[in-house]
Amino acid sequence: MRMFQKILVGADGSSTALEAVDAAIDLARRLEAALHIVTAYKPDRVLLEEIPGEFHQAAMTHPADTLLEELGRRAERAGLESVVHAEPGDAAEAIVRVAVRVNADLVVVGNKGMHGVRRVLGSVPNTVAHEAPCSVLIVDTTG
C-alpha cells in the first residue's frame, strides 16, 4: 500500500503558492497519488440584480474558479489529473476542512508567512501543520 494516496495542496495564486503546487504535482505524479487543489475565498455579498446586465457573465465566474482552472491545467500539463476545490472562508480552515472531507494523506503548503512576527502570531502553514488530520509538507519557497 502506498503511503500517500491523496495529496492536497493549498494555493492562493502567489508565486510562493505556485511553488507549493508544483511540488505537490511532482510528488503526486511520482507517487501515483490523487491530487486535490484548494483555494479559499471570501464570499461576495453582491446580488446579481445589482450588477449591470453586460457584466453578468463576468460576475458569475469567481476569481477562485479562474485560479483553480489554471492550476488544474498546470497539473494536466504535467500529466496529472486533479480535483479542485473553491472553499469559502479563512485559508487555513479551508485547507483543513477539505483535507478532512477528502481524507487526504498529505497536505502541501508553502512557507509564506512563517517568518518574523507572523511566525509567532500564526500563519496558514503553521495553522495547517497543527490542525490537519494528516501529514503536512511545508515547502521552502524562500530560495
Protein backbone atom coordinates (compact mmCIF):
# COMPACT_ATOMS: atom_id res chain seq x y z
CA MET A 1 0.00 0.00 0.00
CA ARG A 2 1.29 3.45 -0.92
CA MET A 3 1.88 5.84 1.95
CA PHE A 4 0.39 8.90 0.26
CA GLN A 5 -2.61 8.21 -1.96
CA LYS A 6 -4.38 11.58 -1.70
CA ILE A 7 -2.33 14.75 -1.74
CA LEU A 8 -3.96 18.13 -1.15
CA VAL A 9 -2.27 21.44 -1.86
CA GLY A 10 -3.44 24.90 -0.84
CA ALA A 11 -2.89 27.79 -3.23
CA ASP A 12 -3.74 31.46 -3.43
CA GLY A 13 -2.16 32.40 -6.75
CA SER A 14 1.02 33.87 -5.24
CA SER A 15 4.40 32.83 -6.62
CA THR A 16 5.20 31.02 -3.37
CA ALA A 17 1.92 29.10 -3.52
CA LEU A 18 2.72 28.11 -7.11
CA GLU A 19 5.98 26.60 -5.86
CA ALA A 20 3.97 24.52 -3.40
CA VAL A 21 1.58 23.48 -6.19
CA ASP A 22 4.49 22.44 -8.39
CA ALA A 23 5.97 20.41 -5.53
CA ALA A 24 2.60 18.72 -4.91
CA ILE A 25 2.18 17.97 -8.62
CA ASP A 26 5.66 16.43 -8.79
CA LEU A 27 5.10 14.39 -5.66
CA ALA A 28 1.64 13.18 -6.75
CA ARG A 29 2.99 12.19 -10.16
CA ARG A 30 5.93 10.27 -8.65
CA LEU A 31 3.75 8.52 -6.07
CA GLU A 32 0.83 7.96 -8.47
CA ALA A 33 -1.39 9.72 -5.94
CA ALA A 34 -4.60 11.66 -6.44
CA LEU A 35 -4.12 15.43 -6.34
CA HIS A 36 -6.58 17.89 -4.80
CA ILE A 37 -6.04 21.63 -5.13
CA VAL A 38 -7.87 24.03 -2.81
CA THR A 39 -8.12 27.79 -2.70
CA ALA A 40 -10.04 29.83 -0.16
CA TYR A 41 -12.10 32.90 -0.97
CA LYS A 42 -14.17 35.48 0.82
CA PRO A 43 -17.81 35.10 -0.22
CA ASP A 44 -19.09 38.06 -2.24
CA ARG A 45 -22.09 39.87 -0.93
CA VAL A 46 -23.17 41.48 -4.22
CA LEU A 47 -26.50 40.38 -5.64
CA LEU A 48 -26.61 39.61 -9.36
CA GLU A 49 -29.52 42.04 -9.77
CA GLU A 50 -27.23 44.86 -8.59
CA ILE A 51 -24.76 44.25 -11.43
CA PRO A 52 -25.43 45.73 -14.90
CA GLY A 53 -26.56 43.09 -17.41
CA GLU A 54 -23.47 43.31 -19.61
CA PHE A 55 -21.36 42.18 -16.63
CA HIS A 56 -23.47 39.20 -15.54
CA GLN A 57 -21.28 36.57 -17.23
CA ALA A 58 -18.07 38.00 -15.76
CA ALA A 59 -19.73 38.26 -12.34
CA MET A 60 -20.70 34.60 -12.48
CA THR A 61 -17.06 33.49 -12.77
CA HIS A 62 -15.42 33.89 -9.39
CA PRO A 63 -11.67 34.64 -9.29
CA ALA A 64 -11.20 31.47 -7.20
CA ASP A 65 -12.66 29.42 -10.05
CA THR A 66 -10.37 31.12 -12.56
CA LEU A 67 -7.33 30.37 -10.37
CA LEU A 68 -8.35 26.74 -9.91
CA GLU A 69 -8.88 26.29 -13.66
CA GLU A 70 -5.33 27.48 -14.29
CA LEU A 71 -3.89 25.30 -11.52
CA GLY A 72 -5.82 22.31 -12.88
CA ARG A 73 -4.32 22.98 -16.33
CA ARG A 74 -0.88 23.21 -14.71
CA ALA A 75 -1.34 19.71 -13.27
CA GLU A 76 -2.70 18.46 -16.59
CA ARG A 77 0.37 19.75 -18.45
CA ALA A 78 2.44 17.62 -16.05
CA GLY A 79 0.34 14.58 -17.00
CA LEU A 80 -1.76 14.55 -13.84
CA GLU A 81 -5.48 14.87 -13.26
CA SER A 82 -6.59 16.93 -10.30
CA VAL A 83 -9.72 17.72 -8.34
CA VAL A 84 -10.16 21.39 -7.49
CA HIS A 85 -11.98 22.91 -4.54
CA ALA A 86 -13.03 26.55 -4.08
CA GLU A 87 -13.76 26.88 -0.39
CA PRO A 88 -15.20 29.92 1.40
CA GLY A 89 -13.51 31.39 4.45
CA ASP A 90 -10.07 31.52 6.01
CA ALA A 91 -7.32 29.78 4.01
CA ALA A 92 -6.03 27.53 6.78
CA GLU A 93 -9.52 26.50 7.85
CA ALA A 94 -10.49 25.80 4.23
CA ILE A 95 -7.44 23.61 3.65
CA VAL A 96 -8.07 21.59 6.82
CA ARG A 97 -11.80 21.29 6.05
CA VAL A 98 -11.14 19.90 2.56
CA ALA A 99 -8.37 17.62 3.86
CA VAL A 100 -10.88 16.09 6.26
CA ARG A 101 -13.59 15.86 3.61
CA VAL A 102 -11.42 14.10 1.01
CA ASN A 103 -9.50 12.04 3.59
CA ALA A 104 -6.14 13.44 2.45
CA ASP A 105 -2.95 11.61 3.43
CA LEU A 106 -0.71 14.65 2.89
CA VAL A 107 -1.26 18.40 2.78
CA VAL A 108 1.29 20.55 0.95
CA VAL A 109 1.63 24.27 1.66
CA GLY A 110 4.30 26.90 1.07
CA ASN A 111 6.11 28.52 3.97
CA LYS A 112 4.83 32.04 3.22
CA GLY A 113 4.18 33.88 6.48
CA MET A 114 6.38 31.66 8.64
CA HIS A 115 8.99 34.33 9.30
CA GLY A 116 9.17 37.25 11.72
CA VAL A 117 6.18 38.24 13.81
CA ARG A 118 3.73 36.17 11.74
CA ARG A 119 5.60 33.03 12.79
CA VAL A 120 4.73 33.83 16.39
CA LEU A 121 1.20 35.11 15.78
CA GLY A 122 0.22 32.43 13.30
CA SER A 123 0.24 31.74 9.60
CA VAL A 124 -1.52 29.45 7.17
CA PRO A 125 1.25 26.82 7.17
CA ASN A 126 1.57 26.95 10.94
CA THR A 127 -2.18 26.55 11.48
CA VAL A 128 -2.43 23.76 8.89
CA ALA A 129 0.53 21.94 10.47
CA HIS A 130 -1.22 21.97 13.84
CA GLU A 131 -4.77 21.21 12.70
CA ALA A 132 -4.52 18.95 9.64
CA PRO A 133 -5.75 15.37 10.11
CA CYS A 134 -2.72 14.02 8.22
CA SER A 135 0.94 14.62 7.41
CA VAL A 136 1.90 18.13 6.28
CA LEU A 137 4.74 19.09 3.93
CA ILE A 138 5.79 22.73 4.20
CA VAL A 139 7.68 23.65 1.04
CA ASP A 140 10.55 26.12 1.42
CA THR A 141 9.67 28.89 -1.02
CA THR A 142 12.31 31.37 0.12
CA GLY A 143 15.00 30.20 -2.28
